[in-house]
Structures are given as structure tokens and as C-alpha cells.
Amino acid sequence: VWQQESRAIVMLNRVIEKNAVKCSLYWPDGERNSHVNEMVCEDVRLKITLEAEEDKSYFVVRRFTVEHLDTKETKEVSQHHLV
């Protein structure tokens, strides 16, 4: 997302399907931990902050701020997650 300057992510799978992990969480999980709204990925030097999460009938829309820890540059990214 940072390198390609993406503004949106479309995620077509669930994190866990049929008891198998399909992807790692790469965003702060406000749904499961309502008090957690940011996470730091030290290996890529990014901080992801969950700004909003809206549950629709078949998908969730999340809005993040992604900050580069070294330059302090920020980007807004939206995620559309089919559930």
C-alpha cells in the first residue's frame, strides 16, 4: 500500500475460513478489541491507525491513516472487506 501509493484495498476473503487462517491482520482490529485503534509494523516502519469502521450487510468499510515512522508522512487508505 505504501510503496504503490494505493488509496484503497479490496479484501475478498475472511481472515479465518473453515477454521483455517487465510490472512494475517494487517490493520488494528477495532471490531474485536474496541480499545485498540492503532498498530505499529516495525519491519516496514509504518503505523496504521483505524479512523472509522462501518458495518454494511455483506462487507465492512474501514478507513485508516498510515504513517511512515521515519518521515512522519501520512496517507489515507480505505479497505472494503467482504465478510
Protein backbone atom coordinates (compact mmCIF):
# COMPACT_ATOMS: atom_id res chain seq x y z
CA VAL A 1 0.00 0.00 0.00
CA TRP A 2 2.74 2.46 0.93
CA GLN A 3 5.12 1.62 -1.90
CA GLN A 4 2.42 1.55 -4.60
CA GLU A 5 0.64 4.61 -3.16
CA SER A 6 -2.65 2.71 -3.05
CA ARG A 7 -5.66 4.53 -1.69
CA ALA A 8 -7.97 1.52 -1.41
CA ILE A 9 -7.82 -2.17 -0.57
CA VAL A 10 -10.48 -4.68 -1.62
CA MET A 11 -10.32 -7.82 0.52
CA LEU A 12 -12.44 -10.69 -0.82
CA ASN A 13 -11.74 -13.31 1.84
CA ARG A 14 -12.34 -13.61 5.56
CA VAL A 15 -9.42 -13.69 7.96
CA ILE A 16 -10.47 -17.21 9.02
CA GLU A 17 -12.43 -19.54 6.73
CA LYS A 18 -13.39 -23.12 7.65
CA ASN A 19 -11.06 -22.96 10.70
CA ALA A 20 -8.08 -22.04 8.52
CA VAL A 21 -6.27 -18.72 8.78
CA LYS A 22 -6.43 -17.10 5.33
CA CYS A 23 -4.56 -13.89 6.12
CA SER A 24 -2.85 -12.10 8.95
CA LEU A 25 -4.43 -8.96 10.35
CA TYR A 26 -2.61 -6.02 8.82
CA TRP A 27 -4.89 -3.47 10.47
CA PRO A 28 -5.88 -2.63 14.06
CA ASP A 29 -8.89 -4.78 14.83
CA GLY A 30 -11.37 -2.34 16.36
CA GLU A 31 -14.16 -4.88 15.96
CA ARG A 32 -12.55 -7.45 18.27
CA ASN A 33 -10.70 -5.01 20.53
CA SER A 34 -12.68 -1.80 20.70
CA HIS A 35 -9.93 -0.03 22.66
CA VAL A 36 -7.22 -0.84 20.08
CA ASN A 37 -7.17 1.60 17.19
CA GLU A 38 -3.56 1.56 16.05
CA MET A 39 -0.75 -0.87 15.36
CA VAL A 40 2.92 -0.46 14.52
CA CYS A 41 4.69 -2.58 11.91
CA GLU A 42 8.33 -2.04 12.85
CA ASP A 43 9.72 -4.15 10.00
CA VAL A 44 8.27 -1.76 7.39
CA ARG A 45 8.35 1.33 9.67
CA LEU A 46 4.62 2.07 9.41
CA LYS A 47 1.92 2.90 11.94
CA ILE A 48 -1.67 2.09 10.96
CA THR A 49 -4.48 3.90 12.76
CA LEU A 50 -8.09 2.80 12.39
CA GLU A 51 -10.07 6.01 11.93
CA ALA A 52 -13.51 4.53 11.16
CA GLU A 53 -15.24 1.20 10.68
CA GLU A 54 -18.70 0.86 9.16
CA ASP A 55 -20.52 -2.45 9.03
CA LYS A 56 -22.64 -2.93 5.92
CA SER A 57 -24.78 -6.00 5.23
CA TYR A 58 -22.14 -8.03 3.34
CA PHE A 59 -18.96 -6.04 3.83
CA VAL A 60 -17.10 -3.73 6.20
CA VAL A 61 -15.62 -0.40 5.17
CA ARG A 62 -12.62 0.73 7.17
CA ARG A 63 -10.68 3.95 6.90
CA PHE A 64 -7.04 4.06 8.01
CA THR A 65 -4.31 6.60 8.38
CA VAL A 66 -0.94 5.10 7.51
CA GLU A 67 2.09 6.96 8.84
CA HIS A 68 5.72 6.34 7.93
CA LEU A 69 7.59 6.28 11.24
CA ASP A 70 10.77 7.84 9.83
CA THR A 71 9.40 10.64 7.65
CA LYS A 72 6.10 11.21 9.53
CA GLU A 73 4.37 11.33 6.13
CA THR A 74 0.74 10.11 6.27
CA LYS A 75 -1.71 8.66 3.79
CA GLU A 76 -5.44 7.91 3.98
CA VAL A 77 -6.43 4.40 2.88
CA SER A 78 -9.83 2.73 2.74
CA GLN A 79 -10.47 -1.00 2.94
CA HIS A 80 -13.56 -2.77 1.62
CA HIS A 81 -13.71 -6.18 3.27
CA LEU A 82 -16.22 -8.78 2.10
CA VAL A 83 -17.47 -10.78 5.10
